[in-house]
Amino acid sequence: MPQVVINTRPVERAAPLTQHLQAAGLLVVEMPMLTLRPRQTTDLDIALMHQWMAGEYKALVIVSPTAAASGLVAWQSLEHEKRKYKTTDSNDKYVQRLSEGLLLSSPLIAVGEATAAEFSQVRIDTTSYQILQPETANNEGMLAMPEIDSLQAGDKLLIWRGLGGRRLLVDTLQARGVHIDSIAWYERTMPIDALTQYQQWQQAFLTHSTASDIALLKQPKPIVVISSAAAFEHWSSIVNDEQPKTADKKQNTHAVANTTQRLSLMLKDFSYVVLGERLANMVAAQQLSYWRVEDLSPDTILSAIHSKI
């Protein structure tokens, strides 16, 4: 039986990884552990956008394609409002620059190729500042960038993100005295059908691949790709919820007990590909088998999986 890989990426981001792993001969099951829901824009969010557009921040960091898409909508709307209040004189420098695209008021740092690609869909004037990417698409990669590494006490940084998420960048810079503001354009929730989807997959997996305890031992562990702490928390909740409800009841025979144990898998029955140090520490704390990656490119994840098979 081919190696099973469970792709827990959100629906909007799952396809490239699934297709890449399938092309390599792996059996991929898409089982999203996150749904990305837009958050209502607040007056504070708009105020922070105005401050960034006025040049009050040393840089803008965008951590995901969803944050980029949502932020771009707000940015374009605010630029349109500014245009209405500016003179229509063709000699006005501001109007001339608007015709060249959205105005960057600081370096813009897009974490990852997919995030950067969102900005290729609009016209942005990069005369004064550029759209940059870290060499490695994670917090460590951003911290190594000159635009971030040079930030000092009193400097201001704006982040477009989702609610929650990794804290290494923020914690490191705040310890240095850098002022961090952020706009959470969306939140991560567990998909409504996540538990049902897992139950259906688990039943099929156990039915077809564990005809006997010996076969179960020979069967390679399914590999679960986890990209965030929220996804791992949701995954753990679902897997643990499926543990036998009768575990604390006395069984009449050992055979019945063995059958009960076989009704569900546990966290340790899977191996994990996880992103970054924080997630690696989370799975290590539960003594689970894992491989740590530093970015979510399909090639990187496939290499990790091949190293485990």
C-alpha atoms as a PDB file:
ATOM      1  CA  MET A   1       0.000   0.000   0.000  1.00  0.00           C
ATOM      2  CA  PRO A   2       1.417   3.426  -0.898  1.00  0.00           C
ATOM      3  CA  GLN A   3       2.464   5.817   1.824  1.00  0.00           C
ATOM      4  CA  VAL A   4      -0.528   7.786   3.095  1.00  0.00           C
ATOM      5  CA  VAL A   5      -0.066  11.536   3.602  1.00  0.00           C
ATOM      6  CA  ILE A   6      -2.747  13.665   5.271  1.00  0.00           C
ATOM      7  CA  ASN A   7      -2.645  17.253   4.050  1.00  0.00           C
ATOM      8  CA  THR A   8      -4.190  19.480   6.743  1.00  0.00           C
ATOM      9  CA  ARG A   9      -3.592  22.762   4.902  1.00  0.00           C
ATOM     10  CA  PRO A  10      -6.643  25.049   4.449  1.00  0.00           C
ATOM     11  CA  VAL A  11      -8.673  24.387   1.300  1.00  0.00           C
ATOM     12  CA  GLU A  12      -7.341  27.585  -0.306  1.00  0.00           C
ATOM     13  CA  ARG A  13      -3.724  26.423   0.067  1.00  0.00           C
ATOM     14  CA  ALA A  14      -3.865  22.639  -0.204  1.00  0.00           C
ATOM     15  CA  ALA A  15      -3.824  21.952  -3.963  1.00  0.00           C
ATOM     16  CA  PRO A  16      -0.149  22.606  -4.874  1.00  0.00           C
ATOM     17  CA  LEU A  17       1.119  20.297  -2.124  1.00  0.00           C
ATOM     18  CA  THR A  18      -1.449  17.593  -2.874  1.00  0.00           C
ATOM     19  CA  GLN A  19      -0.649  17.582  -6.582  1.00  0.00           C
ATOM     20  CA  HIS A  20       3.107  17.498  -5.975  1.00  0.00           C
ATOM     21  CA  LEU A  21       2.899  14.568  -3.563  1.00  0.00           C
ATOM     22  CA  GLN A  22       0.484  12.643  -5.775  1.00  0.00           C
ATOM     23  CA  ALA A  23       2.860  13.063  -8.714  1.00  0.00           C
ATOM     24  CA  ALA A  24       5.523  11.413  -6.535  1.00  0.00           C
ATOM     25  CA  GLY A  25       3.293   8.365  -6.038  1.00  0.00           C
ATOM     26  CA  LEU A  26       1.984   9.129  -2.554  1.00  0.00           C
ATOM     27  CA  LEU A  27      -1.626   8.619  -1.494  1.00  0.00           C
ATOM     28  CA  VAL A  28      -2.768  12.054  -0.357  1.00  0.00           C
ATOM     29  CA  VAL A  29      -5.853  12.713   1.739  1.00  0.00           C
ATOM     30  CA  GLU A  30      -6.924  16.344   2.023  1.00  0.00           C
ATOM     31  CA  MET A  31      -8.255  16.890   5.535  1.00  0.00           C
ATOM     32  CA  PRO A  32      -8.222  20.630   6.333  1.00  0.00           C
ATOM     33  CA  MET A  33      -7.760  21.473  10.000  1.00  0.00           C
ATOM     34  CA  LEU A  34      -8.231  25.198   9.465  1.00  0.00           C
ATOM     35  CA  THR A  35     -10.877  27.387   7.888  1.00  0.00           C
ATOM     36  CA  LEU A  36      -9.832  30.978   7.216  1.00  0.00           C
ATOM     37  CA  ARG A  37     -12.652  33.398   8.030  1.00  0.00           C
ATOM     38  CA  PRO A  38     -12.428  37.152   7.298  1.00  0.00           C
ATOM     39  CA  ARG A  39     -12.619  39.448  10.316  1.00  0.00           C
ATOM     40  CA  GLN A  40     -14.516  42.698  10.318  1.00  0.00           C
ATOM     41  CA  THR A  41     -12.202  45.648   9.762  1.00  0.00           C
ATOM     42  CA  THR A  42     -12.087  47.946  12.802  1.00  0.00           C
ATOM     43  CA  ASP A  43     -11.479  51.667  13.167  1.00  0.00           C
ATOM     44  CA  LEU A  44      -8.101  50.800  14.702  1.00  0.00           C
ATOM     45  CA  ASP A  45      -7.187  48.732  11.640  1.00  0.00           C
ATOM     46  CA  ILE A  46      -7.957  51.690   9.379  1.00  0.00           C
ATOM     47  CA  ALA A  47      -5.995  54.023  11.636  1.00  0.00           C
ATOM     48  CA  LEU A  48      -2.966  51.727  11.439  1.00  0.00           C
ATOM     49  CA  MET A  49      -3.277  51.617   7.656  1.00  0.00           C
ATOM     50  CA  HIS A  50      -3.326  55.420   7.508  1.00  0.00           C
ATOM     51  CA  GLN A  51      -0.216  55.552   9.709  1.00  0.00           C
ATOM     52  CA  TRP A  52       1.604  53.095   7.442  1.00  0.00           C
ATOM     53  CA  MET A  53       0.582  54.986   4.307  1.00  0.00           C
ATOM     54  CA  ALA A  54       1.904  58.167   5.940  1.00  0.00           C
ATOM     55  CA  GLY A  55       5.342  56.568   6.330  1.00  0.00           C
ATOM     56  CA  GLU A  56       5.330  55.975  10.089  1.00  0.00           C
ATOM     57  CA  TYR A  57       6.613  52.384   9.884  1.00  0.00           C
ATOM     58  CA  LYS A  58      10.061  51.123   8.920  1.00  0.00           C
ATOM     59  CA  ALA A  59       8.579  48.118   7.120  1.00  0.00           C
ATOM     60  CA  LEU A  60       5.381  46.175   6.474  1.00  0.00           C
ATOM     61  CA  VAL A  61       5.467  42.381   6.913  1.00  0.00           C
ATOM     62  CA  ILE A  62       2.779  40.196   5.323  1.00  0.00           C
ATOM     63  CA  VAL A  63       2.758  36.627   6.591  1.00  0.00           C
ATOM     64  CA  SER A  64       0.287  34.833   4.288  1.00  0.00           C
ATOM     65  CA  PRO A  65      -1.519  35.076   0.935  1.00  0.00           C
ATOM     66  CA  THR A  66      -4.835  35.563   2.754  1.00  0.00           C
ATOM     67  CA  ALA A  67      -3.456  38.505   4.724  1.00  0.00           C
ATOM     68  CA  ALA A  68      -2.027  39.956   1.509  1.00  0.00           C
ATOM     69  CA  ALA A  69      -5.317  39.678  -0.381  1.00  0.00           C
ATOM     70  CA  SER A  70      -7.356  41.201   2.446  1.00  0.00           C
ATOM     71  CA  GLY A  71      -4.849  43.986   3.105  1.00  0.00           C
ATOM     72  CA  LEU A  72      -4.671  44.870  -0.568  1.00  0.00           C
ATOM     73  CA  VAL A  73      -8.427  45.447  -0.701  1.00  0.00           C
ATOM     74  CA  ALA A  74      -8.208  47.894   2.205  1.00  0.00           C
ATOM     75  CA  TRP A  75      -5.095  49.561   0.790  1.00  0.00           C
ATOM     76  CA  GLN A  76      -6.699  50.129  -2.618  1.00  0.00           C
ATOM     77  CA  SER A  77      -9.841  51.522  -0.998  1.00  0.00           C
ATOM     78  CA  LEU A  78      -7.880  54.000   1.125  1.00  0.00           C
ATOM     79  CA  GLU A  79      -5.733  55.085  -1.832  1.00  0.00           C
ATOM     80  CA  HIS A  80      -8.915  55.697  -3.824  1.00  0.00           C
ATOM     81  CA  GLU A  81     -10.262  57.894  -1.026  1.00  0.00           C
ATOM     82  CA  LYS A  82      -7.021  59.900  -0.960  1.00  0.00           C
ATOM     83  CA  ARG A  83      -7.176  60.381  -4.700  1.00  0.00           C
ATOM     84  CA  LYS A  84     -10.634  61.935  -4.477  1.00  0.00           C
ATOM     85  CA  TYR A  85      -9.374  64.619  -2.097  1.00  0.00           C
ATOM     86  CA  LYS A  86      -6.217  65.470  -4.027  1.00  0.00           C
ATOM     87  CA  THR A  87      -6.071  68.104  -6.740  1.00  0.00           C
ATOM     88  CA  THR A  88      -6.811  66.987 -10.291  1.00  0.00           C
ATOM     89  CA  ASP A  89      -3.973  69.139 -11.614  1.00  0.00           C
ATOM     90  CA  SER A  90      -1.969  66.915 -13.986  1.00  0.00           C
ATOM     91  CA  ASN A  91       1.219  68.507 -12.666  1.00  0.00           C
ATOM     92  CA  ASP A  92       0.503  67.343  -9.141  1.00  0.00           C
ATOM     93  CA  LYS A  93       3.289  64.923  -8.227  1.00  0.00           C
ATOM     94  CA  TYR A  94       0.974  62.790  -6.118  1.00  0.00           C
ATOM     95  CA  VAL A  95      -1.488  62.242  -8.950  1.00  0.00           C
ATOM     96  CA  GLN A  96       1.332  61.467 -11.358  1.00  0.00           C
ATOM     97  CA  ARG A  97       2.652  58.785  -9.024  1.00  0.00           C
ATOM     98  CA  LEU A  98      -0.822  57.333  -8.447  1.00  0.00           C
ATOM     99  CA  SER A  99      -1.043  56.681 -12.177  1.00  0.00           C
ATOM    100  CA  GLU A 100       2.013  54.451 -11.771  1.00  0.00           C
ATOM    101  CA  GLY A 101       0.334  52.296  -9.111  1.00  0.00           C
ATOM    102  CA  LEU A 102      -0.155  51.979  -5.364  1.00  0.00           C
ATOM    103  CA  LEU A 103       2.408  53.920  -3.364  1.00  0.00           C
ATOM    104  CA  LEU A 104       4.771  51.973  -1.106  1.00  0.00           C
ATOM    105  CA  SER A 105       5.587  54.008   1.994  1.00  0.00           C
ATOM    106  CA  SER A 106       8.133  51.484   3.352  1.00  0.00           C
ATOM    107  CA  PRO A 107       9.762  48.213   2.314  1.00  0.00           C
ATOM    108  CA  LEU A 108       7.123  45.491   1.941  1.00  0.00           C
ATOM    109  CA  ILE A 109       8.208  42.024   3.092  1.00  0.00           C
ATOM    110  CA  ALA A 110       6.153  39.116   1.755  1.00  0.00           C
ATOM    111  CA  VAL A 111       6.809  35.823   3.522  1.00  0.00           C
ATOM    112  CA  GLY A 112       6.805  33.198   0.766  1.00  0.00           C
ATOM    113  CA  GLU A 113       6.241  32.985  -2.973  1.00  0.00           C
ATOM    114  CA  ALA A 114       2.448  32.658  -2.721  1.00  0.00           C
ATOM    115  CA  THR A 115       2.223  35.770  -0.563  1.00  0.00           C
ATOM    116  CA  ALA A 116       4.436  37.760  -2.926  1.00  0.00           C
ATOM    117  CA  ALA A 117       2.353  36.591  -5.886  1.00  0.00           C
ATOM    118  CA  GLU A 118      -0.697  38.396  -4.496  1.00  0.00           C
ATOM    119  CA  PHE A 119       1.055  41.714  -5.121  1.00  0.00           C
ATOM    120  CA  SER A 120       1.756  40.894  -8.763  1.00  0.00           C
ATOM    121  CA  GLN A 121      -1.959  41.235  -9.459  1.00  0.00           C
ATOM    122  CA  VAL A 122      -1.983  45.003  -8.796  1.00  0.00           C
ATOM    123  CA  ARG A 123       0.142  47.936  -9.953  1.00  0.00           C
ATOM    124  CA  ILE A 124       2.557  49.013  -7.232  1.00  0.00           C
ATOM    125  CA  ASP A 125       5.041  51.857  -7.580  1.00  0.00           C
ATOM    126  CA  THR A 126       8.384  50.482  -6.348  1.00  0.00           C
ATOM    127  CA  THR A 127      10.406  53.602  -7.163  1.00  0.00           C
ATOM    128  CA  SER A 128      11.139  54.364  -3.515  1.00  0.00           C
ATOM    129  CA  TYR A 129      10.724  50.944  -1.862  1.00  0.00           C
ATOM    130  CA  GLN A 130      10.746  47.329  -2.981  1.00  0.00           C
ATOM    131  CA  ILE A 131       8.683  44.183  -2.396  1.00  0.00           C
ATOM    132  CA  LEU A 132      11.096  41.816  -0.649  1.00  0.00           C
ATOM    133  CA  GLN A 133      11.162  38.178   0.429  1.00  0.00           C
ATOM    134  CA  PRO A 134      13.300  36.397   3.027  1.00  0.00           C
ATOM    135  CA  GLU A 135      15.602  33.662   1.729  1.00  0.00           C
ATOM    136  CA  THR A 136      13.778  31.216   3.994  1.00  0.00           C
ATOM    137  CA  ALA A 137      10.011  31.710   4.259  1.00  0.00           C
ATOM    138  CA  ASN A 138       9.668  31.732   8.045  1.00  0.00           C
ATOM    139  CA  ASN A 139      10.254  33.925  11.094  1.00  0.00           C
ATOM    140  CA  GLU A 140      13.940  33.063  11.248  1.00  0.00           C
ATOM    141  CA  GLY A 141      14.336  34.060   7.608  1.00  0.00           C
ATOM    142  CA  MET A 142      12.689  37.410   8.258  1.00  0.00           C
ATOM    143  CA  LEU A 143      14.867  38.125  11.281  1.00  0.00           C
ATOM    144  CA  ALA A 144      17.947  37.637   9.091  1.00  0.00           C
ATOM    145  CA  MET A 145      16.834  40.284   6.566  1.00  0.00           C
ATOM    146  CA  PRO A 146      18.727  43.611   6.798  1.00  0.00           C
ATOM    147  CA  GLU A 147      15.429  45.529   6.871  1.00  0.00           C
ATOM    148  CA  ILE A 148      14.411  43.622  10.024  1.00  0.00           C
ATOM    149  CA  ASP A 149      17.827  43.001  11.562  1.00  0.00           C
ATOM    150  CA  SER A 150      18.555  46.747  11.565  1.00  0.00           C
ATOM    151  CA  LEU A 151      15.422  47.689  13.531  1.00  0.00           C
ATOM    152  CA  GLN A 152      16.216  49.423  16.816  1.00  0.00           C
ATOM    153  CA  ALA A 153      14.404  50.540  19.952  1.00  0.00           C
ATOM    154  CA  GLY A 154      11.718  53.053  19.021  1.00  0.00           C
ATOM    155  CA  ASP A 155      11.339  51.847  15.418  1.00  0.00           C
ATOM    156  CA  LYS A 156       7.882  50.774  14.297  1.00  0.00           C
ATOM    157  CA  LEU A 157       6.907  47.684  12.299  1.00  0.00           C
ATOM    158  CA  LEU A 158       3.456  46.809  10.923  1.00  0.00           C
ATOM    159  CA  ILE A 159       2.359  43.200  10.333  1.00  0.00           C
ATOM    160  CA  TRP A 160      -0.558  41.907   8.247  1.00  0.00           C
ATOM    161  CA  ARG A 161      -1.512  38.490   9.577  1.00  0.00           C
ATOM    162  CA  GLY A 162      -4.249  36.159  10.802  1.00  0.00           C
ATOM    163  CA  LEU A 163      -5.445  36.104  14.398  1.00  0.00           C
ATOM    164  CA  GLY A 164      -2.946  34.175  16.534  1.00  0.00           C
ATOM    165  CA  GLY A 165      -0.039  32.532  14.736  1.00  0.00           C
ATOM    166  CA  ARG A 166       3.703  32.318  15.335  1.00  0.00           C
ATOM    167  CA  ARG A 167       5.246  34.762  17.811  1.00  0.00           C
ATOM    168  CA  LEU A 168       8.995  34.447  17.299  1.00  0.00           C
ATOM    169  CA  LEU A 169       9.318  37.540  15.116  1.00  0.00           C
ATOM    170  CA  VAL A 170       7.164  39.692  17.400  1.00  0.00           C
ATOM    171  CA  ASP A 171       8.744  38.486  20.647  1.00  0.00           C
ATOM    172  CA  THR A 172      12.287  38.919  19.336  1.00  0.00           C
ATOM    173  CA  LEU A 173      11.722  42.456  18.066  1.00  0.00           C
ATOM    174  CA  GLN A 174       9.757  43.594  21.109  1.00  0.00           C
ATOM    175  CA  ALA A 175      12.616  42.402  23.325  1.00  0.00           C
ATOM    176  CA  ARG A 176      14.798  44.718  21.254  1.00  0.00           C
ATOM    177  CA  GLY A 177      12.462  47.654  21.953  1.00  0.00           C
ATOM    178  CA  VAL A 178      10.814  47.723  18.519  1.00  0.00           C
ATOM    179  CA  HIS A 179       7.172  48.814  18.509  1.00  0.00           C
ATOM    180  CA  ILE A 180       4.984  46.229  16.761  1.00  0.00           C
ATOM    181  CA  ASP A 181       1.496  46.903  15.426  1.00  0.00           C
ATOM    182  CA  SER A 182      -0.520  44.276  13.600  1.00  0.00           C
ATOM    183  CA  ILE A 183      -3.748  43.938  11.675  1.00  0.00           C
ATOM    184  CA  ALA A 184      -5.446  40.522  11.864  1.00  0.00           C
ATOM    185  CA  TRP A 185      -7.414  40.325   8.624  1.00  0.00           C
ATOM    186  CA  TYR A 186      -8.741  36.812   9.286  1.00  0.00           C
ATOM    187  CA  GLU A 187      -9.083  34.143  11.946  1.00  0.00           C
ATOM    188  CA  ARG A 188      -8.473  30.394  11.923  1.00  0.00           C
ATOM    189  CA  THR A 189     -11.280  28.076  13.001  1.00  0.00           C
ATOM    190  CA  MET A 190     -11.813  24.320  12.821  1.00  0.00           C
ATOM    191  CA  PRO A 191     -13.822  23.265   9.745  1.00  0.00           C
ATOM    192  CA  ILE A 192     -17.351  22.180  10.639  1.00  0.00           C
ATOM    193  CA  ASP A 193     -16.958  18.779   8.983  1.00  0.00           C
ATOM    194  CA  ALA A 194     -13.425  18.053  10.231  1.00  0.00           C
ATOM    195  CA  LEU A 195     -14.473  15.415  12.776  1.00  0.00           C
ATOM    196  CA  THR A 196     -16.814  13.620  10.362  1.00  0.00           C
ATOM    197  CA  GLN A 197     -14.171  13.634   7.643  1.00  0.00           C
ATOM    198  CA  TYR A 198     -11.602  12.151  10.008  1.00  0.00           C
ATOM    199  CA  GLN A 199     -14.031   9.471  11.238  1.00  0.00           C
ATOM    200  CA  GLN A 200     -14.806   8.381   7.682  1.00  0.00           C
ATOM    201  CA  TRP A 201     -11.146   8.251   6.700  1.00  0.00           C
ATOM    202  CA  GLN A 202     -10.151   6.359   9.851  1.00  0.00           C
ATOM    203  CA  GLN A 203     -12.829   3.728   9.357  1.00  0.00           C
ATOM    204  CA  ALA A 204     -11.750   3.142   5.756  1.00  0.00           C
ATOM    205  CA  PHE A 205      -8.060   3.081   6.709  1.00  0.00           C
ATOM    206  CA  LEU A 206      -8.520   0.531   9.483  1.00  0.00           C
ATOM    207  CA  THR A 207     -10.854  -1.615   7.385  1.00  0.00           C
ATOM    208  CA  HIS A 208      -8.543  -1.831   4.399  1.00  0.00           C
ATOM    209  CA  SER A 209      -5.093  -1.813   5.945  1.00  0.00           C
ATOM    210  CA  THR A 210      -5.308  -3.612   9.299  1.00  0.00           C
ATOM    211  CA  ALA A 211      -6.750  -7.022   8.613  1.00  0.00           C
ATOM    212  CA  SER A 212      -4.582  -8.315  11.438  1.00  0.00           C
ATOM    213  CA  ASP A 213      -2.318  -6.951  14.155  1.00  0.00           C
ATOM    214  CA  ILE A 214       0.664  -8.226  12.176  1.00  0.00           C
ATOM    215  CA  ALA A 215      -0.450  -6.273   9.122  1.00  0.00           C
ATOM    216  CA  LEU A 216      -0.862  -3.168  11.268  1.00  0.00           C
ATOM    217  CA  LEU A 217       2.727  -3.427  12.426  1.00  0.00           C
ATOM    218  CA  LYS A 218       3.944  -3.684   8.839  1.00  0.00           C
ATOM    219  CA  GLN A 219       1.823  -0.790   7.640  1.00  0.00           C
ATOM    220  CA  PRO A 220       3.818   2.484   7.488  1.00  0.00           C
ATOM    221  CA  LYS A 221       2.421   5.207   9.688  1.00  0.00           C
ATOM    222  CA  PRO A 222       0.305   7.791   7.869  1.00  0.00           C
ATOM    223  CA  ILE A 223       2.198  11.080   7.687  1.00  0.00           C
ATOM    224  CA  VAL A 224       0.376  14.258   8.710  1.00  0.00           C
ATOM    225  CA  VAL A 225       1.516  17.645   7.383  1.00  0.00           C
ATOM    226  CA  ILE A 226       0.981  20.317  10.056  1.00  0.00           C
ATOM    227  CA  SER A 227       1.704  23.978   9.310  1.00  0.00           C
ATOM    228  CA  SER A 228       0.501  25.799  12.437  1.00  0.00           C
ATOM    229  CA  ALA A 229      -0.108  25.396  16.152  1.00  0.00           C
ATOM    230  CA  ALA A 230      -3.849  25.907  15.621  1.00  0.00           C
ATOM    231  CA  ALA A 231      -3.940  23.091  13.063  1.00  0.00           C
ATOM    232  CA  PHE A 232      -2.108  20.747  15.432  1.00  0.00           C
ATOM    233  CA  GLU A 233      -4.460  21.633  18.291  1.00  0.00           C
ATOM    234  CA  HIS A 234      -7.476  20.890  16.093  1.00  0.00           C
ATOM    235  CA  TRP A 235      -5.917  17.641  14.852  1.00  0.00           C
ATOM    236  CA  SER A 236      -5.105  16.525  18.404  1.00  0.00           C
ATOM    237  CA  SER A 237      -8.637  17.332  19.533  1.00  0.00           C
ATOM    238  CA  ILE A 238     -10.189  15.242  16.774  1.00  0.00           C
ATOM    239  CA  VAL A 239      -7.872  12.247  17.167  1.00  0.00           C
ATOM    240  CA  ASN A 240      -8.187  12.231  20.950  1.00  0.00           C
ATOM    241  CA  ASP A 241     -11.962  12.603  20.730  1.00  0.00           C
ATOM    242  CA  GLU A 242     -12.068   9.363  18.786  1.00  0.00           C
ATOM    243  CA  GLN A 243     -10.398   7.318  21.523  1.00  0.00           C
ATOM    244  CA  PRO A 244     -12.597   4.427  22.720  1.00  0.00           C
ATOM    245  CA  LYS A 245     -15.248   5.783  25.035  1.00  0.00           C
ATOM    246  CA  THR A 246     -15.284   2.441  26.847  1.00  0.00           C
ATOM    247  CA  ALA A 247     -11.621   2.448  27.804  1.00  0.00           C
ATOM    248  CA  ASP A 248     -12.469   2.859  31.471  1.00  0.00           C
ATOM    249  CA  LYS A 249     -14.999   0.024  31.450  1.00  0.00           C
ATOM    250  CA  LYS A 250     -14.127  -3.573  32.200  1.00  0.00           C
ATOM    251  CA  GLN A 251     -13.896  -5.844  29.171  1.00  0.00           C
ATOM    252  CA  ASN A 252     -15.144  -9.406  29.343  1.00  0.00           C
ATOM    253  CA  THR A 253     -12.279 -10.846  27.317  1.00  0.00           C
ATOM    254  CA  HIS A 254      -8.914  -9.819  25.969  1.00  0.00           C
ATOM    255  CA  ALA A 255     -10.328 -10.238  22.468  1.00  0.00           C
ATOM    256  CA  VAL A 256     -12.984  -7.624  23.125  1.00  0.00           C
ATOM    257  CA  ALA A 257     -10.365  -5.292  24.572  1.00  0.00           C
ATOM    258  CA  ASN A 258      -8.160  -5.697  21.495  1.00  0.00           C
ATOM    259  CA  THR A 259     -11.092  -4.978  19.212  1.00  0.00           C
ATOM    260  CA  THR A 260     -11.915  -1.833  21.151  1.00  0.00           C
ATOM    261  CA  GLN A 261      -8.345  -0.630  20.883  1.00  0.00           C
ATOM    262  CA  ARG A 262      -8.459  -1.184  17.148  1.00  0.00           C
ATOM    263  CA  LEU A 263     -11.538   1.033  16.736  1.00  0.00           C
ATOM    264  CA  SER A 264      -9.454   4.208  16.663  1.00  0.00           C
ATOM    265  CA  LEU A 265      -5.963   5.478  16.049  1.00  0.00           C
ATOM    266  CA  MET A 266      -3.960   7.585  18.488  1.00  0.00           C
ATOM    267  CA  LEU A 267      -1.650  10.530  17.894  1.00  0.00           C
ATOM    268  CA  LYS A 268       1.359   8.227  18.126  1.00  0.00           C
ATOM    269  CA  ASP A 269       0.032   6.109  15.241  1.00  0.00           C
ATOM    270  CA  PHE A 270       0.992   8.928  12.869  1.00  0.00           C
ATOM    271  CA  SER A 271       4.246  10.583  11.868  1.00  0.00           C
ATOM    272  CA  TYR A 272       4.340  14.342  11.365  1.00  0.00           C
ATOM    273  CA  VAL A 273       5.930  16.897   9.079  1.00  0.00           C
ATOM    274  CA  VAL A 274       5.843  20.172  11.019  1.00  0.00           C
ATOM    275  CA  LEU A 275       6.859  23.753  10.285  1.00  0.00           C
ATOM    276  CA  GLY A 276       9.453  25.417  12.485  1.00  0.00           C
ATOM    277  CA  GLU A 277      10.730  25.179  16.029  1.00  0.00           C
ATOM    278  CA  ARG A 278       7.503  25.961  17.882  1.00  0.00           C
ATOM    279  CA  LEU A 279       5.576  23.105  16.268  1.00  0.00           C
ATOM    280  CA  ALA A 280       8.529  20.746  16.601  1.00  0.00           C
ATOM    281  CA  ASN A 281       8.568  21.413  20.337  1.00  0.00           C
ATOM    282  CA  MET A 282       4.830  20.783  20.568  1.00  0.00           C
ATOM    283  CA  VAL A 283       4.987  17.346  18.939  1.00  0.00           C
ATOM    284  CA  ALA A 284       8.230  16.441  20.710  1.00  0.00           C
ATOM    285  CA  ALA A 285       6.569  17.181  24.055  1.00  0.00           C
ATOM    286  CA  GLN A 286       4.071  14.426  23.253  1.00  0.00           C
ATOM    287  CA  GLN A 287       6.849  12.047  22.183  1.00  0.00           C
ATOM    288  CA  LEU A 288       5.556  11.844  18.624  1.00  0.00           C
ATOM    289  CA  SER A 289       7.585  10.956  15.556  1.00  0.00           C
ATOM    290  CA  TYR A 290       8.172  14.010  13.381  1.00  0.00           C
ATOM    291  CA  TRP A 291      10.312  15.749  10.792  1.00  0.00           C
ATOM    292  CA  ARG A 292      10.829  19.493  11.043  1.00  0.00           C
ATOM    293  CA  VAL A 293      10.864  21.668   7.923  1.00  0.00           C
ATOM    294  CA  GLU A 294      11.658  25.366   7.641  1.00  0.00           C
ATOM    295  CA  ASP A 295       9.294  26.221   4.794  1.00  0.00           C
ATOM    296  CA  LEU A 296       6.125  24.799   3.238  1.00  0.00           C
ATOM    297  CA  SER A 297       7.242  24.413  -0.356  1.00  0.00           C
ATOM    298  CA  PRO A 298       6.048  21.086  -1.843  1.00  0.00           C
ATOM    299  CA  ASP A 299       9.658  20.100  -2.632  1.00  0.00           C
ATOM    300  CA  THR A 300      10.736  20.620   0.979  1.00  0.00           C
ATOM    301  CA  ILE A 301       7.836  18.571   2.335  1.00  0.00           C
ATOM    302  CA  LEU A 302       8.385  15.767  -0.172  1.00  0.00           C
ATOM    303  CA  SER A 303      12.070  15.591   0.758  1.00  0.00           C
ATOM    304  CA  ALA A 304      11.123  15.284   4.422  1.00  0.00           C
ATOM    305  CA  ILE A 305       8.631  12.534   3.683  1.00  0.00           C
ATOM    306  CA  HIS A 306      11.127  10.586   1.577  1.00  0.00           C
ATOM    307  CA  SER A 307      13.621  10.785   4.416  1.00  0.00           C
ATOM    308  CA  LYS A 308      11.128   9.051   6.721  1.00  0.00           C
ATOM    309  CA  ILE A 309       9.948   6.233   4.450  1.00  0.00           C
END
